[in-house]
mmCIF file of all heavy atoms, coordinates in Angstrom:
data_MODEL
# 
_entry.id   MODEL 
# 
loop_
_atom_site.group_PDB 
_atom_site.id 
_atom_site.type_symbol 
_atom_site.label_atom_id 
_atom_site.label_alt_id 
_atom_site.label_comp_id 
_atom_site.label_asym_id 
_atom_site.label_entity_id 
_atom_site.label_seq_id 
_atom_site.pdbx_PDB_ins_code 
_atom_site.Cartn_x 
_atom_site.Cartn_y 
_atom_site.Cartn_z 
_atom_site.occupancy 
_atom_site.B_iso_or_equiv 
_atom_site.pdbx_formal_charge 
_atom_site.auth_seq_id 
_atom_site.auth_comp_id 
_atom_site.auth_asym_id 
_atom_site.auth_atom_id 
_atom_site.pdbx_PDB_model_num 
ATOM 1   N N   . LYS A 1 1  ? 0.899  -1.258 -0.003  1.00 0.00 ? 1  LYS A N   1 
ATOM 2   C CA  . LYS A 1 1  ? -0.063 0.026  0.016   1.00 0.00 ? 1  LYS A CA  1 
ATOM 3   C C   . LYS A 1 1  ? 0.854  1.287  -0.057  1.00 0.00 ? 1  LYS A C   1 
ATOM 4   O O   . LYS A 1 1  ? 0.627  2.221  -0.720  1.00 0.00 ? 1  LYS A O   1 
ATOM 5   C CB  . LYS A 1 1  ? -0.908 0.011  1.255   1.00 0.00 ? 1  LYS A CB  1 
ATOM 6   C CG  . LYS A 1 1  ? -1.890 1.242  1.310   1.00 0.00 ? 1  LYS A CG  1 
ATOM 7   C CD  . LYS A 1 1  ? -2.798 1.005  2.518   1.00 0.00 ? 1  LYS A CD  1 
ATOM 8   C CE  . LYS A 1 1  ? -3.759 2.194  2.545   1.00 0.00 ? 1  LYS A CE  1 
ATOM 9   N NZ  . LYS A 1 1  ? -4.718 2.031  3.746   1.00 0.00 ? 1  LYS A NZ  1 
ATOM 10  N N   . LYS A 1 2  ? 1.890  1.208  0.798   1.00 0.00 ? 2  LYS A N   1 
ATOM 11  C CA  . LYS A 1 2  ? 2.869  2.296  0.875   1.00 0.00 ? 2  LYS A CA  1 
ATOM 12  C C   . LYS A 1 2  ? 3.640  2.559  -0.378  1.00 0.00 ? 2  LYS A C   1 
ATOM 13  O O   . LYS A 1 2  ? 3.730  3.696  -0.915  1.00 0.00 ? 2  LYS A O   1 
ATOM 14  C CB  . LYS A 1 2  ? 3.860  2.117  2.118   1.00 0.00 ? 2  LYS A CB  1 
ATOM 15  C CG  . LYS A 1 2  ? 4.840  3.315  2.199   1.00 0.00 ? 2  LYS A CG  1 
ATOM 16  C CD  . LYS A 1 2  ? 5.735  3.020  3.422   1.00 0.00 ? 2  LYS A CD  1 
ATOM 17  C CE  . LYS A 1 2  ? 6.725  4.134  3.568   1.00 0.00 ? 2  LYS A CE  1 
ATOM 18  N NZ  . LYS A 1 2  ? 7.575  3.935  4.753   1.00 0.00 ? 2  LYS A NZ  1 
ATOM 19  N N   . ARG A 1 3  ? 3.920  1.481  -1.074  1.00 0.00 ? 3  ARG A N   1 
ATOM 20  C CA  . ARG A 1 3  ? 4.703  1.544  -2.425  1.00 0.00 ? 3  ARG A CA  1 
ATOM 21  C C   . ARG A 1 3  ? 3.875  2.215  -3.352  1.00 0.00 ? 3  ARG A C   1 
ATOM 22  O O   . ARG A 1 3  ? 4.229  3.018  -4.260  1.00 0.00 ? 3  ARG A O   1 
ATOM 23  C CB  . ARG A 1 3  ? 5.113  0.142  -2.875  1.00 0.00 ? 3  ARG A CB  1 
ATOM 24  C CG  . ARG A 1 3  ? 6.308  -0.403 -2.153  1.00 0.00 ? 3  ARG A CG  1 
ATOM 25  C CD  . ARG A 1 3  ? 6.714  -1.702 -2.689  1.00 0.00 ? 3  ARG A CD  1 
ATOM 26  N NE  . ARG A 1 3  ? 7.142  -1.592 -4.056  1.00 0.00 ? 3  ARG A NE  1 
ATOM 27  C CZ  . ARG A 1 3  ? 8.342  -1.315 -4.499  1.00 0.00 ? 3  ARG A CZ  1 
ATOM 28  N NH1 . ARG A 1 3  ? 9.251  -0.830 -3.672  1.00 0.00 ? 3  ARG A NH1 1 
ATOM 29  N NH2 . ARG A 1 3  ? 8.527  -1.128 -5.797  1.00 0.00 ? 3  ARG A NH2 1 
ATOM 30  N N   . ILE A 1 4  ? 2.553  1.809  -3.492  1.00 0.00 ? 4  ILE A N   1 
ATOM 31  C CA  . ILE A 1 4  ? 1.633  2.360  -4.491  1.00 0.00 ? 4  ILE A CA  1 
ATOM 32  C C   . ILE A 1 4  ? 1.469  3.887  -4.214  1.00 0.00 ? 4  ILE A C   1 
ATOM 33  O O   . ILE A 1 4  ? 1.489  4.709  -5.226  1.00 0.00 ? 4  ILE A O   1 
ATOM 34  C CB  . ILE A 1 4  ? 0.271  1.654  -4.416  1.00 0.00 ? 4  ILE A CB  1 
ATOM 35  C CG1 . ILE A 1 4  ? 0.411  0.188  -4.888  1.00 0.00 ? 4  ILE A CG1 1 
ATOM 36  C CG2 . ILE A 1 4  ? -0.824 2.406  -5.253  1.00 0.00 ? 4  ILE A CG2 1 
ATOM 37  C CD1 . ILE A 1 4  ? -0.892 -0.638 -4.657  1.00 0.00 ? 4  ILE A CD1 1 
ATOM 38  N N   . MET A 1 5  ? 1.410  4.318  -3.067  1.00 0.00 ? 5  MET A N   1 
ATOM 39  C CA  . MET A 1 5  ? 1.183  5.760  -2.681  1.00 0.00 ? 5  MET A CA  1 
ATOM 40  C C   . MET A 1 5  ? 2.485  6.512  -3.009  1.00 0.00 ? 5  MET A C   1 
ATOM 41  O O   . MET A 1 5  ? 2.426  7.496  -3.761  1.00 0.00 ? 5  MET A O   1 
ATOM 42  C CB  . MET A 1 5  ? 0.980  5.891  -1.237  1.00 0.00 ? 5  MET A CB  1 
ATOM 43  C CG  . MET A 1 5  ? 0.940  7.409  -0.825  1.00 0.00 ? 5  MET A CG  1 
ATOM 44  S SD  . MET A 1 5  ? 0.830  7.512  1.073   1.00 0.00 ? 5  MET A SD  1 
ATOM 45  C CE  . MET A 1 5  ? 2.453  7.112  1.362   1.00 0.00 ? 5  MET A CE  1 
ATOM 46  N N   . LEU A 1 6  ? 3.690  5.883  -2.781  1.00 0.00 ? 6  LEU A N   1 
ATOM 47  C CA  . LEU A 1 6  ? 4.950  6.613  -3.134  1.00 0.00 ? 6  LEU A CA  1 
ATOM 48  C C   . LEU A 1 6  ? 5.215  6.665  -4.618  1.00 0.00 ? 6  LEU A C   1 
ATOM 49  O O   . LEU A 1 6  ? 5.598  7.612  -5.190  1.00 0.00 ? 6  LEU A O   1 
ATOM 50  C CB  . LEU A 1 6  ? 6.152  5.835  -2.530  1.00 0.00 ? 6  LEU A CB  1 
ATOM 51  C CG  . LEU A 1 6  ? 6.193  5.999  -0.955  1.00 0.00 ? 6  LEU A CG  1 
ATOM 52  C CD1 . LEU A 1 6  ? 7.194  5.113  -0.394  1.00 0.00 ? 6  LEU A CD1 1 
ATOM 53  C CD2 . LEU A 1 6  ? 6.566  7.496  -0.623  1.00 0.00 ? 6  LEU A CD2 1 
ATOM 54  N N   . GLN A 1 7  ? 4.744  5.513  -5.386  1.00 0.00 ? 7  GLN A N   1 
ATOM 55  C CA  . GLN A 1 7  ? 4.918  5.512  -6.811  1.00 0.00 ? 7  GLN A CA  1 
ATOM 56  C C   . GLN A 1 7  ? 4.130  6.554  -7.403  1.00 0.00 ? 7  GLN A C   1 
ATOM 57  O O   . GLN A 1 7  ? 4.525  7.260  -8.414  1.00 0.00 ? 7  GLN A O   1 
ATOM 58  C CB  . GLN A 1 7  ? 4.618  4.166  -7.352  1.00 0.00 ? 7  GLN A CB  1 
ATOM 59  C CG  . GLN A 1 7  ? 5.590  3.094  -7.072  1.00 0.00 ? 7  GLN A CG  1 
ATOM 60  C CD  . GLN A 1 7  ? 5.089  1.621  -7.471  1.00 0.00 ? 7  GLN A CD  1 
ATOM 61  O OE1 . GLN A 1 7  ? 3.946  1.443  -7.575  1.00 0.00 ? 7  GLN A OE1 1 
ATOM 62  N NE2 . GLN A 1 7  ? 6.121  0.667  -7.559  1.00 0.00 ? 7  GLN A NE2 1 
ATOM 63  N N   . ASN A 1 8  ? 2.925  6.858  -6.891  1.00 0.00 ? 8  ASN A N   1 
ATOM 64  C CA  . ASN A 1 8  ? 2.043  7.849  -7.477  1.00 0.00 ? 8  ASN A CA  1 
ATOM 65  C C   . ASN A 1 8  ? 2.615  9.245  -7.173  1.00 0.00 ? 8  ASN A C   1 
ATOM 66  O O   . ASN A 1 8  ? 2.613  10.090 -8.074  1.00 0.00 ? 8  ASN A O   1 
ATOM 67  C CB  . ASN A 1 8  ? 0.627  7.759  -6.851  1.00 0.00 ? 8  ASN A CB  1 
ATOM 68  C CG  . ASN A 1 8  ? -0.117 6.601  -7.273  1.00 0.00 ? 8  ASN A CG  1 
ATOM 69  O OD1 . ASN A 1 8  ? 0.074  6.086  -8.359  1.00 0.00 ? 8  ASN A OD1 1 
ATOM 70  N ND2 . ASN A 1 8  ? -1.121 6.137  -6.524  1.00 0.00 ? 8  ASN A ND2 1 
ATOM 71  N N   . GLU A 1 9  ? 3.207  9.491  -6.008  1.00 0.00 ? 9  GLU A N   1 
ATOM 72  C CA  . GLU A 1 9  ? 3.815  10.672 -5.759  1.00 0.00 ? 9  GLU A CA  1 
ATOM 73  C C   . GLU A 1 9  ? 5.083  10.935 -6.597  1.00 0.00 ? 9  GLU A C   1 
ATOM 74  O O   . GLU A 1 9  ? 5.298  12.023 -6.951  1.00 0.00 ? 9  GLU A O   1 
ATOM 75  C CB  . GLU A 1 9  ? 4.198  10.705 -4.263  1.00 0.00 ? 9  GLU A CB  1 
ATOM 76  C CG  . GLU A 1 9  ? 2.970  10.809 -3.300  1.00 0.00 ? 9  GLU A CG  1 
ATOM 77  C CD  . GLU A 1 9  ? 3.305  10.706 -1.855  1.00 0.00 ? 9  GLU A CD  1 
ATOM 78  O OE1 . GLU A 1 9  ? 4.527  10.372 -1.566  1.00 0.00 ? 9  GLU A OE1 1 
ATOM 79  O OE2 . GLU A 1 9  ? 2.475  11.118 -0.961  1.00 0.00 ? 9  GLU A OE2 1 
ATOM 80  N N   . VAL A 1 10 ? 5.852  9.875  -6.790  1.00 0.00 ? 10 VAL A N   1 
ATOM 81  C CA  . VAL A 1 10 ? 6.995  10.026 -7.760  1.00 0.00 ? 10 VAL A CA  1 
ATOM 82  C C   . VAL A 1 10 ? 6.623  10.466 -9.129  1.00 0.00 ? 10 VAL A C   1 
ATOM 83  O O   . VAL A 1 10 ? 7.212  11.322 -9.767  1.00 0.00 ? 10 VAL A O   1 
ATOM 84  C CB  . VAL A 1 10 ? 7.821  8.655  -7.717  1.00 0.00 ? 10 VAL A CB  1 
ATOM 85  C CG1 . VAL A 1 10 ? 8.814  8.704  -8.847  1.00 0.00 ? 10 VAL A CG1 1 
ATOM 86  C CG2 . VAL A 1 10 ? 8.545  8.559  -6.430  1.00 0.00 ? 10 VAL A CG2 1 
ATOM 87  N N   . GLU A 1 11 ? 5.573  9.733  -9.614  1.00 0.00 ? 11 GLU A N   1 
ATOM 88  C CA  . GLU A 1 11 ? 5.144  10.090 -11.019 1.00 0.00 ? 11 GLU A CA  1 
ATOM 89  C C   . GLU A 1 11 ? 4.627  11.540 -11.110 1.00 0.00 ? 11 GLU A C   1 
ATOM 90  O O   . GLU A 1 11 ? 4.760  12.168 -12.051 1.00 0.00 ? 11 GLU A O   1 
ATOM 91  C CB  . GLU A 1 11 ? 4.065  9.021  -11.428 1.00 0.00 ? 11 GLU A CB  1 
ATOM 92  C CG  . GLU A 1 11 ? 4.552  7.685  -11.668 1.00 0.00 ? 11 GLU A CG  1 
ATOM 93  C CD  . GLU A 1 11 ? 5.675  7.634  -12.691 1.00 0.00 ? 11 GLU A CD  1 
ATOM 94  O OE1 . GLU A 1 11 ? 5.544  8.308  -13.717 1.00 0.00 ? 11 GLU A OE1 1 
ATOM 95  O OE2 . GLU A 1 11 ? 6.677  6.972  -12.359 1.00 0.00 ? 11 GLU A OE2 1 
ATOM 96  N N   . THR A 1 12 ? 3.937  11.940 -10.126 1.00 0.00 ? 12 THR A N   1 
ATOM 97  C CA  . THR A 1 12 ? 3.399  13.411 -10.026 1.00 0.00 ? 12 THR A CA  1 
ATOM 98  C C   . THR A 1 12 ? 4.559  14.355 -9.957  1.00 0.00 ? 12 THR A C   1 
ATOM 99  O O   . THR A 1 12 ? 4.481  15.341 -10.804 1.00 0.00 ? 12 THR A O   1 
ATOM 100 C CB  . THR A 1 12 ? 2.529  13.577 -8.717  1.00 0.00 ? 12 THR A CB  1 
ATOM 101 O OG1 . THR A 1 12 ? 1.454  12.652 -8.770  1.00 0.00 ? 12 THR A OG1 1 
ATOM 102 C CG2 . THR A 1 12 ? 2.067  15.041 -8.704  1.00 0.00 ? 12 THR A CG2 1 
ATOM 103 N N   . LEU A 1 13 ? 5.588  14.115 -9.262  1.00 0.00 ? 13 LEU A N   1 
ATOM 104 C CA  . LEU A 1 13 ? 6.785  14.950 -9.223  1.00 0.00 ? 13 LEU A CA  1 
ATOM 105 C C   . LEU A 1 13 ? 7.522  14.893 -10.521 1.00 0.00 ? 13 LEU A C   1 
ATOM 106 O O   . LEU A 1 13 ? 7.952  16.088 -11.022 1.00 0.00 ? 13 LEU A O   1 
ATOM 107 C CB  . LEU A 1 13 ? 7.704  14.577 -8.088  1.00 0.00 ? 13 LEU A CB  1 
ATOM 108 C CG  . LEU A 1 13 ? 7.177  14.933 -6.646  1.00 0.00 ? 13 LEU A CG  1 
ATOM 109 C CD1 . LEU A 1 13 ? 8.028  14.264 -5.583  1.00 0.00 ? 13 LEU A CD1 1 
ATOM 110 C CD2 . LEU A 1 13 ? 7.176  16.484 -6.505  1.00 0.00 ? 13 LEU A CD2 1 
ATOM 111 N N   . LYS A 1 14 ? 7.706  13.825 -11.186 1.00 0.00 ? 14 LYS A N   1 
ATOM 112 C CA  . LYS A 1 14 ? 8.289  13.721 -12.492 1.00 0.00 ? 14 LYS A CA  1 
ATOM 113 C C   . LYS A 1 14 ? 7.573  14.529 -13.479 1.00 0.00 ? 14 LYS A C   1 
ATOM 114 O O   . LYS A 1 14 ? 8.105  15.188 -14.354 1.00 0.00 ? 14 LYS A O   1 
ATOM 115 C CB  . LYS A 1 14 ? 8.424  12.228 -12.842 1.00 0.00 ? 14 LYS A CB  1 
ATOM 116 C CG  . LYS A 1 14 ? 9.511  11.492 -12.223 1.00 0.00 ? 14 LYS A CG  1 
ATOM 117 C CD  . LYS A 1 14 ? 9.568  9.997  -12.712 1.00 0.00 ? 14 LYS A CD  1 
ATOM 118 C CE  . LYS A 1 14 ? 10.733 9.308  -12.014 1.00 0.00 ? 14 LYS A CE  1 
ATOM 119 N NZ  . LYS A 1 14 ? 10.842 7.894  -12.468 1.00 0.00 ? 14 LYS A NZ  1 
ATOM 120 N N   . THR A 1 15 ? 6.222  14.442 -13.481 1.00 0.00 ? 15 THR A N   1 
ATOM 121 C CA  . THR A 1 15 ? 5.426  15.135 -14.383 1.00 0.00 ? 15 THR A CA  1 
ATOM 122 C C   . THR A 1 15 ? 5.553  16.747 -14.141 1.00 0.00 ? 15 THR A C   1 
ATOM 123 O O   . THR A 1 15 ? 5.657  17.424 -15.140 1.00 0.00 ? 15 THR A O   1 
ATOM 124 C CB  . THR A 1 15 ? 3.880  14.785 -14.202 1.00 0.00 ? 15 THR A CB  1 
ATOM 125 O OG1 . THR A 1 15 ? 3.844  13.413 -14.516 1.00 0.00 ? 15 THR A OG1 1 
ATOM 126 C CG2 . THR A 1 15 ? 3.066  15.644 -15.243 1.00 0.00 ? 15 THR A CG2 1 
ATOM 127 N N   . ALA A 1 16 ? 5.725  17.110 -12.894 1.00 0.00 ? 16 ALA A N   1 
ATOM 128 C CA  . ALA A 1 16 ? 5.925  18.523 -12.539 1.00 0.00 ? 16 ALA A CA  1 
ATOM 129 C C   . ALA A 1 16 ? 7.262  19.006 -12.976 1.00 0.00 ? 16 ALA A C   1 
ATOM 130 O O   . ALA A 1 16 ? 7.443  20.113 -13.373 1.00 0.00 ? 16 ALA A O   1 
ATOM 131 C CB  . ALA A 1 16 ? 5.623  18.763 -11.092 1.00 0.00 ? 16 ALA A CB  1 
ATOM 132 N N   . LEU A 1 17 ? 8.227  18.184 -12.893 1.00 0.00 ? 17 LEU A N   1 
ATOM 133 C CA  . LEU A 1 17 ? 9.569  18.575 -13.115 1.00 0.00 ? 17 LEU A CA  1 
ATOM 134 C C   . LEU A 1 17 ? 9.886  18.610 -14.627 1.00 0.00 ? 17 LEU A C   1 
ATOM 135 O O   . LEU A 1 17 ? 10.692 19.529 -15.058 1.00 0.00 ? 17 LEU A O   1 
ATOM 136 C CB  . LEU A 1 17 ? 10.584 17.447 -12.532 1.00 0.00 ? 17 LEU A CB  1 
ATOM 137 C CG  . LEU A 1 17 ? 12.045 17.650 -12.695 1.00 0.00 ? 17 LEU A CG  1 
ATOM 138 C CD1 . LEU A 1 17 ? 12.561 18.991 -11.970 1.00 0.00 ? 17 LEU A CD1 1 
ATOM 139 C CD2 . LEU A 1 17 ? 12.839 16.481 -12.130 1.00 0.00 ? 17 LEU A CD2 1 
ATOM 140 N N   . GLU A 1 18 ? 9.251  17.812 -15.490 1.00 0.00 ? 18 GLU A N   1 
ATOM 141 C CA  . GLU A 1 18 ? 9.558  17.886 -16.935 1.00 0.00 ? 18 GLU A CA  1 
ATOM 142 C C   . GLU A 1 18 ? 9.461  19.220 -17.604 1.00 0.00 ? 18 GLU A C   1 
ATOM 143 O O   . GLU A 1 18 ? 10.358 19.646 -18.255 1.00 0.00 ? 18 GLU A O   1 
ATOM 144 C CB  . GLU A 1 18 ? 8.687  16.792 -17.601 1.00 0.00 ? 18 GLU A CB  1 
ATOM 145 C CG  . GLU A 1 18 ? 9.092  16.597 -19.029 1.00 0.00 ? 18 GLU A CG  1 
ATOM 146 C CD  . GLU A 1 18 ? 8.279  15.449 -19.626 1.00 0.00 ? 18 GLU A CD  1 
ATOM 147 O OE1 . GLU A 1 18 ? 7.673  14.560 -18.918 1.00 0.00 ? 18 GLU A OE1 1 
ATOM 148 O OE2 . GLU A 1 18 ? 8.183  15.416 -20.883 1.00 0.00 ? 18 GLU A OE2 1 
ATOM 149 N N   . PRO A 1 19 ? 8.385  19.909 -17.458 1.00 0.00 ? 19 PRO A N   1 
ATOM 150 C CA  . PRO A 1 19 ? 8.311  21.275 -18.106 1.00 0.00 ? 19 PRO A CA  1 
ATOM 151 C C   . PRO A 1 19 ? 9.239  22.320 -17.504 1.00 0.00 ? 19 PRO A C   1 
ATOM 152 O O   . PRO A 1 19 ? 9.712  23.125 -18.235 1.00 0.00 ? 19 PRO A O   1 
ATOM 153 C CB  . PRO A 1 19 ? 6.833  21.609 -17.834 1.00 0.00 ? 19 PRO A CB  1 
ATOM 154 C CG  . PRO A 1 19 ? 6.298  20.924 -16.693 1.00 0.00 ? 19 PRO A CG  1 
ATOM 155 C CD  . PRO A 1 19 ? 7.033  19.631 -16.797 1.00 0.00 ? 19 PRO A CD  1 
ATOM 156 N N   . VAL A 1 20 ? 9.566  22.164 -16.181 1.00 0.00 ? 20 VAL A N   1 
ATOM 157 C CA  . VAL A 1 20 ? 10.520 23.070 -15.552 1.00 0.00 ? 20 VAL A CA  1 
ATOM 158 C C   . VAL A 1 20 ? 11.862 22.912 -16.069 1.00 0.00 ? 20 VAL A C   1 
ATOM 159 O O   . VAL A 1 20 ? 12.592 23.836 -16.362 1.00 0.00 ? 20 VAL A O   1 
ATOM 160 C CB  . VAL A 1 20 ? 10.502 22.812 -14.071 1.00 0.00 ? 20 VAL A CB  1 
ATOM 161 C CG1 . VAL A 1 20 ? 11.624 23.686 -13.341 1.00 0.00 ? 20 VAL A CG1 1 
ATOM 162 C CG2 . VAL A 1 20 ? 9.121  23.185 -13.402 1.00 0.00 ? 20 VAL A CG2 1 
ATOM 163 N N   . VAL A 1 21 ? 12.311 21.617 -16.288 1.00 0.00 ? 21 VAL A N   1 
ATOM 164 C CA  . VAL A 1 21 ? 13.616 21.321 -16.853 1.00 0.00 ? 21 VAL A CA  1 
ATOM 165 C C   . VAL A 1 21 ? 13.710 21.845 -18.342 1.00 0.00 ? 21 VAL A C   1 
ATOM 166 O O   . VAL A 1 21 ? 14.678 22.418 -18.669 1.00 0.00 ? 21 VAL A O   1 
ATOM 167 C CB  . VAL A 1 21 ? 13.846 19.838 -16.785 1.00 0.00 ? 21 VAL A CB  1 
ATOM 168 C CG1 . VAL A 1 21 ? 15.200 19.439 -17.599 1.00 0.00 ? 21 VAL A CG1 1 
ATOM 169 C CG2 . VAL A 1 21 ? 14.017 19.404 -15.339 1.00 0.00 ? 21 VAL A CG2 1 
ATOM 170 N N   . ALA A 1 22 ? 12.689 21.604 -19.037 1.00 0.00 ? 22 ALA A N   1 
ATOM 171 C CA  . ALA A 1 22 ? 12.604 22.137 -20.460 1.00 0.00 ? 22 ALA A CA  1 
ATOM 172 C C   . ALA A 1 22 ? 12.862 23.577 -20.546 1.00 0.00 ? 22 ALA A C   1 
ATOM 173 O O   . ALA A 1 22 ? 13.466 24.173 -21.279 1.00 0.00 ? 22 ALA A O   1 
ATOM 174 C CB  . ALA A 1 22 ? 11.344 21.624 -21.179 1.00 0.00 ? 22 ALA A CB  1 
ATOM 175 N N   . GLU A 1 23 ? 12.084 24.291 -19.734 1.00 0.00 ? 23 GLU A N   1 
ATOM 176 C CA  . GLU A 1 23 ? 12.086 25.743 -19.627 1.00 0.00 ? 23 GLU A CA  1 
ATOM 177 C C   . GLU A 1 23 ? 13.506 26.215 -19.203 1.00 0.00 ? 23 GLU A C   1 
ATOM 178 O O   . GLU A 1 23 ? 14.113 27.204 -19.597 1.00 0.00 ? 23 GLU A O   1 
ATOM 179 C CB  . GLU A 1 23 ? 11.042 26.327 -18.778 1.00 0.00 ? 23 GLU A CB  1 
ATOM 180 C CG  . GLU A 1 23 ? 10.991 27.900 -18.865 1.00 0.00 ? 23 GLU A CG  1 
ATOM 181 C CD  . GLU A 1 23 ? 9.857  28.460 -17.935 1.00 0.00 ? 23 GLU A CD  1 
ATOM 182 O OE1 . GLU A 1 23 ? 9.116  27.559 -17.342 1.00 0.00 ? 23 GLU A OE1 1 
ATOM 183 O OE2 . GLU A 1 23 ? 9.786  29.636 -17.819 1.00 0.00 ? 23 GLU A OE2 1 
ATOM 184 N N   . TRP A 1 24 ? 14.103 25.510 -18.157 1.00 0.00 ? 24 TRP A N   1 
ATOM 185 C CA  . TRP A 1 24 ? 15.353 25.813 -17.587 1.00 0.00 ? 24 TRP A CA  1 
ATOM 186 C C   . TRP A 1 24 ? 16.432 25.731 -18.567 1.00 0.00 ? 24 TRP A C   1 
ATOM 187 O O   . TRP A 1 24 ? 17.280 26.470 -18.698 1.00 0.00 ? 24 TRP A O   1 
ATOM 188 C CB  . TRP A 1 24 ? 15.509 24.868 -16.409 1.00 0.00 ? 24 TRP A CB  1 
ATOM 189 C CG  . TRP A 1 24 ? 16.876 24.985 -15.746 1.00 0.00 ? 24 TRP A CG  1 
ATOM 190 C CD1 . TRP A 1 24 ? 17.342 25.882 -14.858 1.00 0.00 ? 24 TRP A CD1 1 
ATOM 191 C CD2 . TRP A 1 24 ? 17.952 23.936 -15.862 1.00 0.00 ? 24 TRP A CD2 1 
ATOM 192 N NE1 . TRP A 1 24 ? 18.677 25.636 -14.479 1.00 0.00 ? 24 TRP A NE1 1 
ATOM 193 C CE2 . TRP A 1 24 ? 18.953 24.467 -15.089 1.00 0.00 ? 24 TRP A CE2 1 
ATOM 194 C CE3 . TRP A 1 24 ? 18.074 22.761 -16.618 1.00 0.00 ? 24 TRP A CE3 1 
ATOM 195 C CZ2 . TRP A 1 24 ? 20.195 23.673 -14.925 1.00 0.00 ? 24 TRP A CZ2 1 
ATOM 196 C CZ3 . TRP A 1 24 ? 19.215 22.053 -16.511 1.00 0.00 ? 24 TRP A CZ3 1 
ATOM 197 C CH2 . TRP A 1 24 ? 20.293 22.607 -15.590 1.00 0.00 ? 24 TRP A CH2 1 
ATOM 198 N N   . GLU A 1 25 ? 16.456 24.514 -19.380 1.00 0.00 ? 25 GLU A N   1 
ATOM 199 C CA  . GLU A 1 25 ? 17.347 24.347 -20.379 1.00 0.00 ? 25 GLU A CA  1 
ATOM 200 C C   . GLU A 1 25 ? 17.429 25.482 -21.527 1.00 0.00 ? 25 GLU A C   1 
ATOM 201 O O   . GLU A 1 25 ? 18.429 25.709 -22.160 1.00 0.00 ? 25 GLU A O   1 
ATOM 202 C CB  . GLU A 1 25 ? 17.226 22.902 -21.045 1.00 0.00 ? 25 GLU A CB  1 
ATOM 203 C CG  . GLU A 1 25 ? 17.569 21.844 -20.047 1.00 0.00 ? 25 GLU A CG  1 
ATOM 204 C CD  . GLU A 1 25 ? 17.322 20.468 -20.713 1.00 0.00 ? 25 GLU A CD  1 
ATOM 205 O OE1 . GLU A 1 25 ? 16.577 20.399 -21.631 1.00 0.00 ? 25 GLU A OE1 1 
ATOM 206 O OE2 . GLU A 1 25 ? 17.843 19.507 -20.167 1.00 0.00 ? 25 GLU A OE2 1 
# 
């Protein structure tokens, strides 16, 4: 149960990071 919650949080952060990195580059 904890792994599923953490995996969802990781995917959310990766999605948020992608456009920031693109703009940063």
